[in-house]
Amino acid sequence: MLAYGAQRTTLTEVARKAGVSRPTVYSHWPDVRALLADLITTELAGIAAETAAVDGRHGRERLVNRAVQSAAAVIVDPLMVKILDSDRSC
């Protein structure tokens, strides 16, 4: 995804880069959109985990602080930047 962007990535290319067969990749994801959804979910979960240490005095303050920190992390994350810059339809 980083090399080609979501629109130009194929499951065949993913299999080749991973060193596995195409059927192996297709057994996990039916298409690139499903792979992209899992990839974005994993990436955002990692960003959320990194920002979990953000603290505030009240529940609302903690929520706002974490949202701001997560948004700041998303806009500099290499995968998310690639998707947002090159694949506006995603």
PDB file of N, CA and C in Angstrom:
ATOM      1  N   MET A   1       0.831  -1.190   0.000  1.00  0.00           N
ATOM      2  CA  MET A   1       0.000   0.000   0.000  1.00  0.00           C
ATOM      3  C   MET A   1       0.876   1.255   0.000  1.00  0.00           C
ATOM      4  N   LEU A   2       1.978   1.197   0.761  1.00  0.00           N
ATOM      5  CA  LEU A   2       2.849   2.375   0.788  1.00  0.00           C
ATOM      6  C   LEU A   2       3.500   2.619  -0.570  1.00  0.00           C
ATOM      7  N   ALA A   3       3.821   1.556  -1.280  1.00  0.00           N
ATOM      8  CA  ALA A   3       4.493   1.716  -2.569  1.00  0.00           C
ATOM      9  C   ALA A   3       3.556   2.178  -3.670  1.00  0.00           C
ATOM     10  N   TYR A   4       2.329   1.655  -3.701  1.00  0.00           N
ATOM     11  CA  TYR A   4       1.445   1.911  -4.828  1.00  0.00           C
ATOM     12  C   TYR A   4       0.171   2.674  -4.484  1.00  0.00           C
ATOM     13  N   GLY A   5      -0.180   2.742  -3.211  1.00  0.00           N
ATOM     14  CA  GLY A   5      -1.455   3.325  -2.824  1.00  0.00           C
ATOM     15  C   GLY A   5      -2.550   2.281  -2.927  1.00  0.00           C
ATOM     16  N   ALA A   6      -3.673   2.545  -2.310  1.00  0.00           N
ATOM     17  CA  ALA A   6      -4.758   1.571  -2.249  1.00  0.00           C
ATOM     18  C   ALA A   6      -5.349   1.279  -3.622  1.00  0.00           C
ATOM     19  N   GLN A   7      -5.465   2.277  -4.472  1.00  0.00           N
ATOM     20  CA  GLN A   7      -6.106   2.084  -5.775  1.00  0.00           C
ATOM     21  C   GLN A   7      -5.285   1.189  -6.701  1.00  0.00           C
ATOM     22  N   ARG A   8      -3.973   1.210  -6.576  1.00  0.00           N
ATOM     23  CA  ARG A   8      -3.127   0.441  -7.485  1.00  0.00           C
ATOM     24  C   ARG A   8      -2.597  -0.848  -6.880  1.00  0.00           C
ATOM     25  N   THR A   9      -2.890  -1.112  -5.620  1.00  0.00           N
ATOM     26  CA  THR A   9      -2.443  -2.346  -4.983  1.00  0.00           C
ATOM     27  C   THR A   9      -3.376  -3.486  -5.371  1.00  0.00           C
ATOM     28  N   THR A  10      -2.783  -4.635  -5.682  1.00  0.00           N
ATOM     29  CA  THR A  10      -3.573  -5.827  -5.997  1.00  0.00           C
ATOM     30  C   THR A  10      -3.231  -6.923  -4.994  1.00  0.00           C
ATOM     31  N   LEU A  11      -4.149  -7.861  -4.823  1.00  0.00           N
ATOM     32  CA  LEU A  11      -3.857  -8.979  -3.931  1.00  0.00           C
ATOM     33  C   LEU A  11      -2.742  -9.850  -4.491  1.00  0.00           C
ATOM     34  N   THR A  12      -2.604  -9.881  -5.801  1.00  0.00           N
ATOM     35  CA  THR A  12      -1.498 -10.609  -6.425  1.00  0.00           C
ATOM     36  C   THR A  12      -0.168  -9.998  -5.998  1.00  0.00           C
ATOM     37  N   GLU A  13      -0.086  -8.671  -6.011  1.00  0.00           N
ATOM     38  CA  GLU A  13       1.132  -7.976  -5.580  1.00  0.00           C
ATOM     39  C   GLU A  13       1.388  -8.201  -4.093  1.00  0.00           C
ATOM     40  N   VAL A  14       0.338  -8.183  -3.291  1.00  0.00           N
ATOM     41  CA  VAL A  14       0.473  -8.439  -1.855  1.00  0.00           C
ATOM     42  C   VAL A  14       1.049  -9.835  -1.634  1.00  0.00           C
ATOM     43  N   ALA A  15       0.519 -10.830  -2.351  1.00  0.00           N
ATOM     44  CA  ALA A  15       1.015 -12.201  -2.219  1.00  0.00           C
ATOM     45  C   ALA A  15       2.485 -12.282  -2.617  1.00  0.00           C
ATOM     46  N   ARG A  16       2.832 -11.638  -3.722  1.00  0.00           N
ATOM     47  CA  ARG A  16       4.225 -11.660  -4.179  1.00  0.00           C
ATOM     48  C   ARG A  16       5.159 -11.049  -3.151  1.00  0.00           C
ATOM     49  N   LYS A  17       4.793  -9.866  -2.630  1.00  0.00           N
ATOM     50  CA  LYS A  17       5.636  -9.187  -1.634  1.00  0.00           C
ATOM     51  C   LYS A  17       5.738  -9.991  -0.341  1.00  0.00           C
ATOM     52  N   ALA A  18       4.652 -10.695   0.025  1.00  0.00           N
ATOM     53  CA  ALA A  18       4.641 -11.478   1.265  1.00  0.00           C
ATOM     54  C   ALA A  18       5.304 -12.839   1.082  1.00  0.00           C
ATOM     55  N   GLY A  19       5.547 -13.224  -0.165  1.00  0.00           N
ATOM     56  CA  GLY A  19       6.173 -14.512  -0.427  1.00  0.00           C
ATOM     57  C   GLY A  19       5.231 -15.689  -0.201  1.00  0.00           C
ATOM     58  N   VAL A  20       3.934 -15.457  -0.440  1.00  0.00           N
ATOM     59  CA  VAL A  20       2.942 -16.517  -0.301  1.00  0.00           C
ATOM     60  C   VAL A  20       2.144 -16.620  -1.596  1.00  0.00           C
ATOM     61  N   SER A  21       1.347 -17.673  -1.697  1.00  0.00           N
ATOM     62  CA  SER A  21       0.544 -17.849  -2.900  1.00  0.00           C
ATOM     63  C   SER A  21      -0.677 -16.930  -2.888  1.00  0.00           C
ATOM     64  N   ARG A  22      -1.215 -16.681  -4.059  1.00  0.00           N
ATOM     65  CA  ARG A  22      -2.438 -15.876  -4.155  1.00  0.00           C
ATOM     66  C   ARG A  22      -3.594 -16.514  -3.400  1.00  0.00           C
ATOM     67  N   PRO A  23      -3.785 -17.844  -3.518  1.00  0.00           N
ATOM     68  CA  PRO A  23      -4.882 -18.444  -2.745  1.00  0.00           C
ATOM     69  C   PRO A  23      -4.745 -18.225  -1.237  1.00  0.00           C
ATOM     70  N   THR A  24      -3.517 -18.166  -0.747  1.00  0.00           N
ATOM     71  CA  THR A  24      -3.314 -17.896   0.677  1.00  0.00           C
ATOM     72  C   THR A  24      -3.849 -16.514   1.035  1.00  0.00           C
ATOM     73  N   VAL A  25      -3.536 -15.538   0.230  1.00  0.00           N
ATOM     74  CA  VAL A  25      -4.021 -14.179   0.487  1.00  0.00           C
ATOM     75  C   VAL A  25      -5.537 -14.128   0.346  1.00  0.00           C
ATOM     76  N   TYR A  26      -6.061 -14.746  -0.712  1.00  0.00           N
ATOM     77  CA  TYR A  26      -7.513 -14.743  -0.935  1.00  0.00           C
ATOM     78  C   TYR A  26      -8.265 -15.509   0.146  1.00  0.00           C
ATOM     79  N   SER A  27      -7.602 -16.412   0.848  1.00  0.00           N
ATOM     80  CA  SER A  27      -8.282 -17.126   1.936  1.00  0.00           C
ATOM     81  C   SER A  27      -8.501 -16.214   3.144  1.00  0.00           C
ATOM     82  N   HIS A  28      -7.756 -15.118   3.204  1.00  0.00           N
ATOM     83  CA  HIS A  28      -7.905 -14.156   4.306  1.00  0.00           C
ATOM     84  C   HIS A  28      -8.746 -12.943   3.927  1.00  0.00           C
ATOM     85  N   TRP A  29      -8.624 -12.500   2.684  1.00  0.00           N
ATOM     86  CA  TRP A  29      -9.347 -11.306   2.220  1.00  0.00           C
ATOM     87  C   TRP A  29      -9.925 -11.575   0.836  1.00  0.00           C
ATOM     88  N   PRO A  30     -11.207 -11.279   0.636  1.00  0.00           N
ATOM     89  CA  PRO A  30     -11.814 -11.528  -0.679  1.00  0.00           C
ATOM     90  C   PRO A  30     -11.393 -10.512  -1.743  1.00  0.00           C
ATOM     91  N   ASP A  31     -10.946  -9.330  -1.293  1.00  0.00           N
ATOM     92  CA  ASP A  31     -10.545  -8.297  -2.240  1.00  0.00           C
ATOM     93  C   ASP A  31      -9.670  -7.259  -1.524  1.00  0.00           C
ATOM     94  N   VAL A  32      -9.146  -6.334  -2.297  1.00  0.00           N
ATOM     95  CA  VAL A  32      -8.239  -5.320  -1.749  1.00  0.00           C
ATOM     96  C   VAL A  32      -8.958  -4.421  -0.742  1.00  0.00           C
ATOM     97  N   ARG A  33     -10.226  -4.126  -0.964  1.00  0.00           N
ATOM     98  CA  ARG A  33     -10.963  -3.262  -0.020  1.00  0.00           C
ATOM     99  C   ARG A  33     -11.033  -3.902   1.358  1.00  0.00           C
ATOM    100  N   ALA A  34     -11.243  -5.210   1.421  1.00  0.00           N
ATOM    101  CA  ALA A  34     -11.287  -5.907   2.707  1.00  0.00           C
ATOM    102  C   ALA A  34      -9.912  -5.879   3.371  1.00  0.00           C
ATOM    103  N   LEU A  35      -8.876  -6.070   2.583  1.00  0.00           N
ATOM    104  CA  LEU A  35      -7.507  -5.980   3.110  1.00  0.00           C
ATOM    105  C   LEU A  35      -7.241  -4.575   3.627  1.00  0.00           C
ATOM    106  N   LEU A  36      -7.624  -3.574   2.860  1.00  0.00           N
ATOM    107  CA  LEU A  36      -7.420  -2.184   3.257  1.00  0.00           C
ATOM    108  C   LEU A  36      -8.174  -1.873   4.546  1.00  0.00           C
ATOM    109  N   ALA A  37      -9.394  -2.364   4.663  1.00  0.00           N
ATOM    110  CA  ALA A  37     -10.176  -2.139   5.886  1.00  0.00           C
ATOM    111  C   ALA A  37      -9.466  -2.738   7.095  1.00  0.00           C
ATOM    112  N   ASP A  38      -8.962  -3.960   6.958  1.00  0.00           N
ATOM    113  CA  ASP A  38      -8.220  -4.580   8.062  1.00  0.00           C
ATOM    114  C   ASP A  38      -6.931  -3.819   8.365  1.00  0.00           C
ATOM    115  N   LEU A  39      -6.260  -3.380   7.325  1.00  0.00           N
ATOM    116  CA  LEU A  39      -5.008  -2.653   7.504  1.00  0.00           C
ATOM    117  C   LEU A  39      -5.234  -1.322   8.213  1.00  0.00           C
ATOM    118  N   ILE A  40      -6.251  -0.592   7.808  1.00  0.00           N
ATOM    119  CA  ILE A  40      -6.557   0.690   8.451  1.00  0.00           C
ATOM    120  C   ILE A  40      -6.988   0.468   9.896  1.00  0.00           C
ATOM    121  N   THR A  41      -7.795  -0.564  10.130  1.00  0.00           N
ATOM    122  CA  THR A  41      -8.221  -0.872  11.496  1.00  0.00           C
ATOM    123  C   THR A  41      -7.021  -1.167  12.385  1.00  0.00           C
ATOM    124  N   THR A  42      -6.106  -1.978  11.890  1.00  0.00           N
ATOM    125  CA  THR A  42      -4.902  -2.314  12.653  1.00  0.00           C
ATOM    126  C   THR A  42      -4.047  -1.077  12.906  1.00  0.00           C
ATOM    127  N   GLU A  43      -3.891  -0.254  11.883  1.00  0.00           N
ATOM    128  CA  GLU A  43      -3.085   0.968  12.009  1.00  0.00           C
ATOM    129  C   GLU A  43      -3.707   1.922  13.024  1.00  0.00           C
ATOM    130  N   LEU A  44      -5.014   2.113  12.939  1.00  0.00           N
ATOM    131  CA  LEU A  44      -5.681   3.021  13.870  1.00  0.00           C
ATOM    132  C   LEU A  44      -5.672   2.469  15.296  1.00  0.00           C
ATOM    133  N   ALA A  45      -5.767   1.151  15.448  1.00  0.00           N
ATOM    134  CA  ALA A  45      -5.690   0.553  16.782  1.00  0.00           C
ATOM    135  C   ALA A  45      -4.312   0.792  17.392  1.00  0.00           C
ATOM    136  N   GLY A  46      -3.281   0.712  16.569  1.00  0.00           N
ATOM    137  CA  GLY A  46      -1.931   1.009  17.053  1.00  0.00           C
ATOM    138  C   GLY A  46      -1.776   2.460  17.465  1.00  0.00           C
ATOM    139  N   ILE A  47      -2.337   3.348  16.672  1.00  0.00           N
ATOM    140  CA  ILE A  47      -2.291   4.778  17.009  1.00  0.00           C
ATOM    141  C   ILE A  47      -3.057   5.028  18.298  1.00  0.00           C
ATOM    142  N   ALA A  48      -4.227   4.412  18.434  1.00  0.00           N
ATOM    143  CA  ALA A  48      -5.023   4.580  19.651  1.00  0.00           C
ATOM    144  C   ALA A  48      -4.271   4.061  20.867  1.00  0.00           C
ATOM    145  N   ALA A  49      -3.584   2.954  20.726  1.00  0.00           N
ATOM    146  CA  ALA A  49      -2.814   2.396  21.850  1.00  0.00           C
ATOM    147  C   ALA A  49      -1.682   3.334  22.249  1.00  0.00           C
ATOM    148  N   GLU A  50      -1.048   3.950  21.263  1.00  0.00           N
ATOM    149  CA  GLU A  50       0.051   4.878  21.553  1.00  0.00           C
ATOM    150  C   GLU A  50      -0.441   6.132  22.260  1.00  0.00           C
ATOM    151  N   THR A  51      -1.665   6.527  21.968  1.00  0.00           N
ATOM    152  CA  THR A  51      -2.184   7.748  22.572  1.00  0.00           C
ATOM    153  C   THR A  51      -2.969   7.468  23.856  1.00  0.00           C
ATOM    154  N   ALA A  52      -3.067   6.216  24.262  1.00  0.00           N
ATOM    155  CA  ALA A  52      -3.847   5.852  25.452  1.00  0.00           C
ATOM    156  C   ALA A  52      -3.266   6.457  26.727  1.00  0.00           C
ATOM    157  N   ALA A  53      -2.001   6.806  26.701  1.00  0.00           N
ATOM    158  CA  ALA A  53      -1.364   7.368  27.883  1.00  0.00           C
ATOM    159  C   ALA A  53      -1.765   8.826  28.127  1.00  0.00           C
ATOM    160  N   VAL A  54      -2.433   9.440  27.153  1.00  0.00           N
ATOM    161  CA  VAL A  54      -2.873  10.823  27.319  1.00  0.00           C
ATOM    162  C   VAL A  54      -3.843  10.871  28.491  1.00  0.00           C
ATOM    163  N   ASP A  55      -3.632  11.818  29.384  1.00  0.00           N
ATOM    164  CA  ASP A  55      -4.444  11.858  30.591  1.00  0.00           C
ATOM    165  C   ASP A  55      -5.035  13.245  30.789  1.00  0.00           C
ATOM    166  N   GLY A  56      -6.160  13.277  31.417  1.00  0.00           N
ATOM    167  CA  GLY A  56      -6.826  14.516  31.784  1.00  0.00           C
ATOM    168  C   GLY A  56      -7.524  14.290  33.111  1.00  0.00           C
ATOM    169  N   ARG A  57      -8.080  15.326  33.659  1.00  0.00           N
ATOM    170  CA  ARG A  57      -8.688  15.200  34.980  1.00  0.00           C
ATOM    171  C   ARG A  57     -10.078  14.582  34.935  1.00  0.00           C
ATOM    172  N   HIS A  58     -10.817  14.822  33.889  1.00  0.00           N
ATOM    173  CA  HIS A  58     -12.188  14.340  33.802  1.00  0.00           C
ATOM    174  C   HIS A  58     -12.334  13.462  32.567  1.00  0.00           C
ATOM    175  N   GLY A  59     -13.361  12.622  32.566  1.00  0.00           N
ATOM    176  CA  GLY A  59     -13.600  11.731  31.440  1.00  0.00           C
ATOM    177  C   GLY A  59     -13.664  12.450  30.110  1.00  0.00           C
ATOM    178  N   ARG A  60     -14.403  13.560  30.066  1.00  0.00           N
ATOM    179  CA  ARG A  60     -14.539  14.320  28.828  1.00  0.00           C
ATOM    180  C   ARG A  60     -13.189  14.883  28.386  1.00  0.00           C
ATOM    181  N   GLU A  61     -12.416  15.386  29.329  1.00  0.00           N
ATOM    182  CA  GLU A  61     -11.096  15.942  28.997  1.00  0.00           C
ATOM    183  C   GLU A  61     -10.180  14.849  28.463  1.00  0.00           C
ATOM    184  N   ARG A  62     -10.208  13.679  29.081  1.00  0.00           N
ATOM    185  CA  ARG A  62      -9.388  12.564  28.595  1.00  0.00           C
ATOM    186  C   ARG A  62      -9.803  12.175  27.178  1.00  0.00           C
ATOM    187  N   LEU A  63     -11.111  12.120  26.940  1.00  0.00           N
ATOM    188  CA  LEU A  63     -11.620  11.762  25.619  1.00  0.00           C
ATOM    189  C   LEU A  63     -11.168  12.773  24.568  1.00  0.00           C
ATOM    190  N   VAL A  64     -11.304  14.051  24.860  1.00  0.00           N
ATOM    191  CA  VAL A  64     -10.896  15.091  23.914  1.00  0.00           C
ATOM    192  C   VAL A  64      -9.389  15.046  23.683  1.00  0.00           C
ATOM    193  N   ASN A  65      -8.618  14.919  24.757  1.00  0.00           N
ATOM    194  CA  ASN A  65      -7.161  14.853  24.609  1.00  0.00           C
ATOM    195  C   ASN A  65      -6.744  13.665  23.748  1.00  0.00           C
ATOM    196  N   ARG A  66      -7.367  12.528  23.984  1.00  0.00           N
ATOM    197  CA  ARG A  66      -7.015  11.336  23.206  1.00  0.00           C
ATOM    198  C   ARG A  66      -7.412  11.502  21.745  1.00  0.00           C
ATOM    199  N   ALA A  67      -8.568  12.091  21.495  1.00  0.00           N
ATOM    200  CA  ALA A  67      -9.004  12.321  20.114  1.00  0.00           C
ATOM    201  C   ALA A  67      -8.027  13.251  19.382  1.00  0.00           C
ATOM    202  N   VAL A  68      -7.609  14.300  20.056  1.00  0.00           N
ATOM    203  CA  VAL A  68      -6.664  15.255  19.452  1.00  0.00           C
ATOM    204  C   VAL A  68      -5.323  14.577  19.185  1.00  0.00           C
ATOM    205  N   GLN A  69      -4.824  13.822  20.138  1.00  0.00           N
ATOM    206  CA  GLN A  69      -3.549  13.123  19.967  1.00  0.00           C
ATOM    207  C   GLN A  69      -3.648  12.084  18.847  1.00  0.00           C
ATOM    208  N   SER A  70      -4.764  11.369  18.783  1.00  0.00           N
ATOM    209  CA  SER A  70      -4.947  10.365  17.723  1.00  0.00           C
ATOM    210  C   SER A  70      -4.992  11.023  16.353  1.00  0.00           C
ATOM    211  N   ALA A  71      -5.723  12.119  16.234  1.00  0.00           N
ATOM    212  CA  ALA A  71      -5.798  12.827  14.956  1.00  0.00           C
ATOM    213  C   ALA A  71      -4.419  13.325  14.535  1.00  0.00           C
ATOM    214  N   ALA A  72      -3.660  13.836  15.483  1.00  0.00           N
ATOM    215  CA  ALA A  72      -2.307  14.312  15.178  1.00  0.00           C
ATOM    216  C   ALA A  72      -1.426  13.160  14.709  1.00  0.00           C
ATOM    217  N   ALA A  73      -1.589  11.986  15.304  1.00  0.00           N
ATOM    218  CA  ALA A  73      -0.791  10.827  14.910  1.00  0.00           C
ATOM    219  C   ALA A  73      -1.204  10.304  13.539  1.00  0.00           C
ATOM    220  N   VAL A  74      -2.497  10.342  13.231  1.00  0.00           N
ATOM    221  CA  VAL A  74      -2.983   9.858  11.939  1.00  0.00           C
ATOM    222  C   VAL A  74      -2.410  10.680  10.796  1.00  0.00           C
ATOM    223  N   ILE A  75      -2.344  11.984  10.946  1.00  0.00           N
ATOM    224  CA  ILE A  75      -1.906  12.826   9.825  1.00  0.00           C
ATOM    225  C   ILE A  75      -0.416  12.738   9.541  1.00  0.00           C
ATOM    226  N   VAL A  76       0.344  12.055  10.400  1.00  0.00           N
ATOM    227  CA  VAL A  76       1.770  11.853  10.118  1.00  0.00           C
ATOM    228  C   VAL A  76       2.117  10.380   9.939  1.00  0.00           C
ATOM    229  N   ASP A  77       1.155   9.479  10.120  1.00  0.00           N
ATOM    230  CA  ASP A  77       1.389   8.053   9.938  1.00  0.00           C
ATOM    231  C   ASP A  77       1.628   7.773   8.457  1.00  0.00           C
ATOM    232  N   PRO A  78       2.738   7.105   8.084  1.00  0.00           N
ATOM    233  CA  PRO A  78       3.063   6.914   6.664  1.00  0.00           C
ATOM    234  C   PRO A  78       1.958   6.246   5.846  1.00  0.00           C
ATOM    235  N   LEU A  79       1.348   5.207   6.379  1.00  0.00           N
ATOM    236  CA  LEU A  79       0.289   4.527   5.633  1.00  0.00           C
ATOM    237  C   LEU A  79      -0.920   5.431   5.449  1.00  0.00           C
ATOM    238  N   MET A  80      -1.336   6.076   6.516  1.00  0.00           N
ATOM    239  CA  MET A  80      -2.507   6.929   6.428  1.00  0.00           C
ATOM    240  C   MET A  80      -2.243   8.116   5.507  1.00  0.00           C
ATOM    241  N   VAL A  81      -1.055   8.685   5.553  1.00  0.00           N
ATOM    242  CA  VAL A  81      -0.698   9.792   4.663  1.00  0.00           C
ATOM    243  C   VAL A  81      -0.783   9.342   3.210  1.00  0.00           C
ATOM    244  N   LYS A  82      -0.244   8.145   2.914  1.00  0.00           N
ATOM    245  CA  LYS A  82      -0.274   7.622   1.541  1.00  0.00           C
ATOM    246  C   LYS A  82      -1.712   7.452   1.063  1.00  0.00           C
ATOM    247  N   ILE A  83      -2.541   6.854   1.906  1.00  0.00           N
ATOM    248  CA  ILE A  83      -3.941   6.634   1.531  1.00  0.00           C
ATOM    249  C   ILE A  83      -4.658   7.965   1.330  1.00  0.00           C
ATOM    250  N   LEU A  84      -4.482   8.881   2.257  1.00  0.00           N
ATOM    251  CA  LEU A  84      -5.179  10.170   2.166  1.00  0.00           C
ATOM    252  C   LEU A  84      -4.688  11.016   0.996  1.00  0.00           C
ATOM    253  N   ASP A  85      -3.389  10.962   0.715  1.00  0.00           N
ATOM    254  CA  ASP A  85      -2.823  11.775  -0.376  1.00  0.00           C
ATOM    255  C   ASP A  85      -3.103  11.221  -1.764  1.00  0.00           C
ATOM    256  N   SER A  86      -3.035   9.900  -1.896  1.00  0.00           N
ATOM    257  CA  SER A  86      -3.100   9.342  -3.251  1.00  0.00           C
ATOM    258  C   SER A  86      -4.420   8.664  -3.582  1.00  0.00           C
ATOM    259  N   ASP A  87      -5.233   8.394  -2.591  1.00  0.00           N
ATOM    260  CA  ASP A  87      -6.448   7.631  -2.837  1.00  0.00           C
ATOM    261  C   ASP A  87      -7.634   8.324  -2.183  1.00  0.00           C
ATOM    262  N   ARG A  88      -8.010   9.430  -2.723  1.00  0.00           N
ATOM    263  CA  ARG A  88      -9.050  10.278  -2.132  1.00  0.00           C
ATOM    264  C   ARG A  88     -10.409   9.582  -2.010  1.00  0.00           C
ATOM    265  N   SER A  89     -10.646   8.515  -2.784  1.00  0.00           N
ATOM    266  CA  SER A  89     -11.945   7.844  -2.728  1.00  0.00           C
ATOM    267  C   SER A  89     -12.055   6.893  -1.546  1.00  0.00           C
ATOM    268  N   CYS A  90     -10.969   6.630  -0.842  1.00  0.00           N
ATOM    269  CA  CYS A  90     -10.985   5.688   0.285  1.00  0.00           C
ATOM    270  C   CYS A  90     -11.487   6.351   1.544  1.00  0.00           C
TER     271      CYS A  90
END
